[in-house]
């Protein structure tokens, strides 16, 4: 006849289960009641959730649940709501001034985000991901502008382009004085020295003196008598040392000899007016805004 008397652990004073492994006995310590109730509640919740919500895969479909909930439907509703909010913000950008946009923090943040995205998709290929530009492609991070650096100027440039197919495109022309035979090679050499001297670089002074009349006759109508440029014509300032196509003697001579007629597309056929406004906000923030005519050159346009 077996002894059914519970065995008590000498150290803890707790009843054992009678199981023993290598001299180690298992204590009979039940789970706390609160833990058991939480466990049972979790089971009941899982069953209720499986009945109420989509949960069980079927052969050709799935169990849709008593509530008919759908994450896909919820996401679609949220996307529709976001689209409506974006549409409203884009509408506010249409025709708005810089001051009006900056006065509305939410609109300004939205414009900056949308403009940065549009810049990465459409402008970074030529101007660089940070707007730093490359030789022949304008740096948009400085405050040096050919066609004007106001928000309205930038928006207009983006809309109509430069030497583009748009009827109202911004247009000027740097003629090929050498290739087209307007000036002789010695005159071009002297004129190169004259432009170097205007920008404060070392130049041959005798050549500078010889080129004075040539400059006034051929160049001053666009660049000004003093070479400080003219934003109304998109003519660069030659008295600073900022250059789109390079400012050493060889680059300047190549510009005078062959001319420069770079093209920037008119974006109105690809981008909406609202996106163009957002893009103008972003570009304006890169360049710091307005430059005076004395500070302008070819850095902002081909």
Protein backbone atom coordinates (compact mmCIF):
# COMPACT_ATOMS: atom_id res chain seq x y z
CA UNK A 1 0.00 0.00 0.00
CA UNK A 2 1.49 3.32 -1.11
CA UNK A 3 1.98 6.29 1.19
CA UNK A 4 -0.12 9.26 -0.07
CA UNK A 5 1.14 11.63 2.61
CA UNK A 6 2.38 14.87 0.94
CA UNK A 7 6.09 15.38 1.18
CA UNK A 8 7.21 18.74 2.46
CA UNK A 9 10.45 20.38 1.35
CA UNK A 10 12.62 20.91 4.40
CA UNK A 11 14.10 24.25 3.30
CA UNK A 12 11.08 26.10 1.89
CA UNK A 13 8.36 24.26 3.79
CA UNK A 14 6.46 23.84 0.47
CA UNK A 15 4.74 20.67 -0.59
CA UNK A 16 6.50 18.84 -3.44
CA UNK A 17 4.91 17.23 -6.49
CA UNK A 18 6.78 13.98 -6.01
CA UNK A 19 8.88 14.57 -9.14
CA UNK A 20 12.60 14.32 -8.70
CA UNK A 21 15.54 14.74 -11.08
CA UNK A 22 19.01 13.97 -9.94
CA UNK A 23 18.11 14.70 -6.35
CA UNK A 24 16.29 17.93 -7.19
CA UNK A 25 12.61 17.87 -6.20
CA UNK A 26 9.89 19.95 -7.89
CA UNK A 27 7.92 22.18 -5.55
CA UNK A 28 4.16 22.29 -5.95
CA UNK A 29 3.83 26.07 -6.45
CA UNK A 30 0.70 26.96 -8.47
CA UNK A 31 0.58 30.09 -10.68
CA UNK A 32 -0.88 33.19 -8.96
CA UNK A 33 -4.62 33.52 -9.39
CA UNK A 34 -4.32 36.94 -11.08
CA UNK A 35 -1.97 35.46 -13.71
CA UNK A 36 -4.42 32.65 -14.44
CA UNK A 37 -7.30 35.10 -14.85
CA UNK A 38 -5.22 37.23 -17.26
CA UNK A 39 -4.35 34.11 -19.22
CA UNK A 40 -8.00 33.01 -19.44
CA UNK A 41 -9.04 36.57 -20.43
CA UNK A 42 -6.44 36.59 -23.20
CA UNK A 43 -7.88 33.37 -24.60
CA UNK A 44 -11.39 34.79 -24.55
CA UNK A 45 -10.19 38.04 -26.19
CA UNK A 46 -8.41 36.11 -28.95
CA UNK A 47 -11.57 34.12 -29.69
CA UNK A 48 -13.73 37.27 -29.73
CA UNK A 49 -11.21 39.10 -31.96
CA UNK A 50 -11.10 36.20 -34.40
CA UNK A 51 -14.92 36.31 -34.66
CA UNK A 52 -15.19 40.10 -34.99
CA UNK A 53 -12.22 40.85 -37.27
CA UNK A 54 -10.82 39.34 -40.50
CA UNK A 55 -8.80 36.41 -39.29
CA UNK A 56 -9.26 32.99 -40.85
CA UNK A 57 -8.00 32.17 -44.38
CA UNK A 58 -10.46 30.30 -46.58
CA UNK A 59 -9.90 28.45 -49.86
CA UNK A 60 -10.58 31.37 -52.19
CA UNK A 61 -10.97 34.24 -49.77
CA UNK A 62 -10.84 34.90 -46.04
CA UNK A 63 -13.24 35.25 -43.12
CA UNK A 64 -14.15 38.97 -43.10
CA UNK A 65 -15.34 39.13 -39.49
CA UNK A 66 -18.58 40.40 -38.02
CA UNK A 67 -17.37 44.02 -38.06
CA UNK A 68 -16.25 43.90 -41.69
CA UNK A 69 -13.06 45.83 -40.87
CA UNK A 70 -10.46 46.31 -43.60
CA UNK A 71 -6.95 47.75 -43.23
CA UNK A 72 -6.87 48.34 -46.98
CA UNK A 73 -10.07 50.39 -46.77
CA UNK A 74 -8.71 52.35 -43.82
CA UNK A 75 -5.47 53.11 -45.63
CA UNK A 76 -7.42 54.20 -48.71
CA UNK A 77 -9.52 56.54 -46.57
CA UNK A 78 -6.39 57.99 -44.94
CA UNK A 79 -4.73 58.48 -48.33
CA UNK A 80 -7.87 60.20 -49.62
CA UNK A 81 -7.87 62.47 -46.56
CA UNK A 82 -4.20 63.31 -47.03
CA UNK A 83 -4.82 63.96 -50.71
CA UNK A 84 -7.57 66.39 -49.82
CA UNK A 85 -5.32 68.20 -47.36
CA UNK A 86 -2.51 68.39 -49.94
CA UNK A 87 -4.93 69.62 -52.57
CA UNK A 88 -6.06 72.41 -50.26
CA UNK A 89 -2.47 73.43 -49.49
CA UNK A 90 -1.53 73.35 -53.17
CA UNK A 91 -4.51 75.58 -53.90
CA UNK A 92 -3.24 78.09 -51.35
CA UNK A 93 0.13 78.20 -53.14
CA UNK A 94 -1.45 79.16 -56.45
CA UNK A 95 -0.60 82.80 -57.13
CA UNK A 96 0.44 83.46 -53.51
CA UNK A 97 3.26 85.88 -52.69
CA UNK A 98 6.36 84.95 -50.71
CA UNK A 99 5.17 87.04 -47.79
CA UNK A 100 1.78 85.35 -47.85
CA UNK A 101 3.35 81.89 -47.83
CA UNK A 102 5.83 82.72 -45.07
CA UNK A 103 2.99 84.12 -42.95
CA UNK A 104 1.41 80.65 -42.84
CA UNK A 105 3.88 78.23 -41.15
CA UNK A 106 2.03 75.08 -42.21
CA UNK A 107 1.84 76.27 -45.82
CA UNK A 108 5.51 77.27 -45.81
CA UNK A 109 6.62 73.88 -44.45
CA UNK A 110 4.47 72.13 -47.04
CA UNK A 111 5.90 74.31 -49.84
CA UNK A 112 9.47 73.59 -48.75
CA UNK A 113 8.83 69.84 -48.61
CA UNK A 114 7.03 69.77 -51.96
CA UNK A 115 9.66 72.03 -53.54
CA UNK A 116 12.54 69.89 -52.30
CA UNK A 117 10.87 66.78 -53.72
CA UNK A 118 10.25 68.49 -57.07
CA UNK A 119 13.86 69.73 -57.12
CA UNK A 120 15.20 66.22 -56.62
CA UNK A 121 12.99 64.86 -59.39
CA UNK A 122 13.53 67.60 -61.97
CA UNK A 123 16.48 69.88 -61.19
CA UNK A 124 19.17 67.92 -59.38
CA UNK A 125 20.47 66.31 -62.57
CA UNK A 126 21.89 69.66 -63.74
CA UNK A 127 22.17 71.69 -60.55
CA UNK A 128 23.28 68.91 -58.20
CA UNK A 129 21.36 67.34 -55.33
CA UNK A 130 22.23 70.27 -53.08
CA UNK A 131 21.88 72.95 -55.77
CA UNK A 132 25.65 73.46 -55.82
CA UNK A 133 25.84 73.43 -59.61
CA UNK A 134 28.73 72.47 -61.85
CA UNK A 135 30.74 74.21 -64.54
CA UNK A 136 28.14 75.28 -67.07
CA UNK A 137 25.30 74.61 -64.62
CA UNK A 138 24.40 77.39 -62.16
CA UNK A 139 25.10 77.26 -58.46
CA UNK A 140 21.82 77.99 -56.69
CA UNK A 141 23.30 78.21 -53.18
CA UNK A 142 24.84 81.64 -53.57
CA UNK A 143 23.06 84.97 -53.84
CA UNK A 144 24.24 85.69 -57.37
CA UNK A 145 21.46 85.90 -59.95
CA UNK A 146 21.33 86.80 -63.63
CA UNK A 147 17.56 87.09 -64.13
CA UNK A 148 16.73 88.17 -60.59
CA UNK A 149 16.60 86.37 -57.27
CA UNK A 150 13.21 87.35 -55.91
CA UNK A 151 10.59 84.67 -55.41
CA UNK A 152 8.61 86.10 -58.33
CA UNK A 153 11.71 86.21 -60.56
CA UNK A 154 12.56 82.59 -59.80
CA UNK A 155 8.99 81.46 -60.34
CA UNK A 156 8.90 83.26 -63.70
CA UNK A 157 12.21 81.71 -64.77
CA UNK A 158 10.92 78.25 -63.86
CA UNK A 159 7.69 78.86 -65.73
CA UNK A 160 9.02 80.21 -69.04
CA UNK A 161 12.58 78.88 -69.02
CA UNK A 162 15.65 80.45 -70.58
CA UNK A 163 16.03 80.28 -74.34
CA UNK A 164 13.34 77.59 -74.27
CA UNK A 165 10.39 76.84 -76.54
CA UNK A 166 8.04 79.01 -74.48
CA UNK A 167 6.70 82.08 -76.29
CA UNK A 168 7.64 84.31 -73.34
CA UNK A 169 10.92 82.63 -72.50
CA UNK A 170 13.69 84.68 -70.95
CA UNK A 171 16.09 85.33 -73.78
CA UNK A 172 19.45 86.91 -74.35
CA UNK A 173 22.38 85.96 -76.49
CA UNK A 174 26.12 86.04 -76.00
CA UNK A 175 27.29 86.21 -79.59
CA UNK A 176 30.14 84.14 -80.97
CA UNK A 177 32.38 87.12 -81.72
CA UNK A 178 35.20 85.02 -83.06
CA UNK A 179 33.44 82.15 -84.76
CA UNK A 180 31.04 84.50 -86.54
CA UNK A 181 33.85 86.87 -87.53
CA UNK A 182 32.66 89.95 -85.63
CA UNK A 183 36.07 90.43 -84.02
CA UNK A 184 39.58 89.41 -84.99
CA UNK A 185 41.67 87.06 -82.90
CA UNK A 186 43.92 89.91 -81.62
CA UNK A 187 40.83 91.87 -80.60
CA UNK A 188 39.47 88.85 -78.75
CA UNK A 189 42.81 88.37 -77.00
CA UNK A 190 42.76 92.01 -75.87
CA UNK A 191 39.12 91.80 -74.83
CA UNK A 192 39.94 88.73 -72.73
CA UNK A 193 42.52 90.77 -70.84
CA UNK A 194 39.99 93.58 -70.44
CA UNK A 195 37.44 91.25 -68.82
CA UNK A 196 40.13 89.74 -66.57
CA UNK A 197 40.97 93.27 -65.45
CA UNK A 198 37.30 94.08 -64.80
CA UNK A 199 37.03 91.13 -62.40
CA UNK A 200 40.17 92.14 -60.52
CA UNK A 201 42.44 89.49 -61.98
CA UNK A 202 45.95 89.97 -63.26
CA UNK A 203 45.85 91.28 -66.82
CA UNK A 204 48.14 92.79 -69.45
CA UNK A 205 47.53 96.51 -69.14
CA UNK A 206 48.47 97.45 -72.69
CA UNK A 207 45.88 94.95 -73.95
CA UNK A 208 43.35 96.41 -71.52
CA UNK A 209 43.91 99.88 -72.95
CA UNK A 210 43.58 98.63 -76.53
CA UNK A 211 40.34 96.78 -75.75
CA UNK A 212 38.52 99.69 -74.11
CA UNK A 213 36.90 100.90 -77.32
CA UNK A 214 36.12 97.33 -78.44
CA UNK A 215 34.33 96.65 -75.14
CA UNK A 216 32.27 99.84 -75.29
CA UNK A 217 31.31 99.21 -78.90
CA UNK A 218 30.39 95.54 -78.60
CA UNK A 219 29.71 94.71 -74.96
CA UNK A 220 28.54 97.75 -72.99
CA UNK A 221 25.00 97.72 -74.38
CA UNK A 222 24.35 94.55 -72.39
CA UNK A 223 26.99 94.46 -69.66
CA UNK A 224 26.99 98.19 -68.99
CA UNK A 225 29.70 100.78 -69.46
CA UNK A 226 31.40 99.63 -66.26
CA UNK A 227 30.69 95.94 -66.90
CA UNK A 228 28.37 95.59 -63.90
CA UNK A 229 25.63 93.82 -65.87
CA UNK A 230 21.91 94.38 -66.30
CA UNK A 231 19.26 92.09 -64.81
CA UNK A 232 16.58 93.41 -67.14
CA UNK A 233 18.51 91.85 -70.01
CA UNK A 234 19.93 88.91 -68.10
CA UNK A 235 23.41 90.31 -68.70
CA UNK A 236 26.02 89.14 -66.17
CA UNK A 237 28.17 91.30 -63.97
CA UNK A 238 31.77 91.07 -65.15
CA UNK A 239 33.31 92.97 -62.24
CA UNK A 240 33.02 90.20 -59.67
CA UNK A 241 34.88 86.91 -59.79
CA UNK A 242 31.91 84.55 -60.11
CA UNK A 243 31.69 82.60 -63.34
CA UNK A 244 29.32 80.03 -64.76
CA UNK A 245 31.60 78.77 -67.53
CA UNK A 246 34.91 79.49 -65.82
CA UNK A 247 36.78 82.73 -65.16
CA UNK A 248 40.36 82.10 -66.23
CA UNK A 249 41.80 83.53 -69.44
CA UNK A 250 41.15 80.39 -71.50
CA UNK A 251 37.52 80.09 -70.41
CA UNK A 252 36.78 83.78 -70.92
CA UNK A 253 38.34 83.71 -74.39
CA UNK A 254 36.30 80.61 -75.28
CA UNK A 255 33.14 82.42 -74.18
CA UNK A 256 33.92 85.50 -76.27
CA UNK A 257 35.00 83.46 -79.28
CA UNK A 258 32.19 80.85 -79.34
CA UNK A 259 29.42 82.59 -77.40
CA UNK A 260 27.14 80.96 -74.80
CA UNK A 261 23.53 79.98 -75.37
CA UNK A 262 22.68 77.48 -72.64
CA UNK A 263 19.08 76.40 -72.26
CA UNK A 264 16.86 75.90 -69.23
CA UNK A 265 13.52 74.20 -70.02
CA UNK A 266 10.20 75.89 -69.40
CA UNK A 267 8.66 73.76 -66.66
CA UNK A 268 5.07 74.93 -67.11
CA UNK A 269 4.40 72.05 -69.51
CA UNK A 270 5.52 69.44 -67.00
CA UNK A 271 4.76 70.98 -63.61
CA UNK A 272 1.59 72.63 -62.33
CA UNK A 273 1.69 76.30 -61.24
CA UNK A 274 1.40 75.14 -57.64
CA UNK A 275 4.41 72.83 -57.90
CA UNK A 276 6.37 75.61 -59.62
CA UNK A 277 5.53 77.94 -56.73
CA UNK A 278 6.72 75.32 -54.22
CA UNK A 279 9.89 74.80 -56.25
CA UNK A 280 10.48 78.57 -56.35
CA UNK A 281 10.13 78.71 -52.56
CA UNK A 282 12.75 75.98 -52.17
CA UNK A 283 15.20 77.50 -54.66
CA UNK A 284 14.71 80.93 -53.09
CA UNK A 285 15.66 79.45 -49.72
CA UNK A 286 18.85 77.99 -51.19
CA UNK A 287 20.08 81.23 -52.71
CA UNK A 288 19.14 83.60 -49.98
CA UNK A 289 16.85 85.81 -52.02
CA UNK A 290 17.42 89.05 -53.85
CA UNK A 291 20.75 90.18 -55.25
CA UNK A 292 21.44 93.73 -56.30
CA UNK A 293 22.28 94.35 -59.96
CA UNK A 294 25.88 94.98 -58.95
CA UNK A 295 26.06 91.46 -57.52
CA UNK A 296 24.55 89.60 -60.46
CA UNK A 297 26.23 87.34 -62.97
CA UNK A 298 25.71 84.11 -64.86
CA UNK A 299 25.50 81.85 -61.81
CA UNK A 300 21.72 81.52 -61.90
CA UNK A 301 21.09 80.64 -65.52
CA UNK A 302 22.70 79.15 -68.60
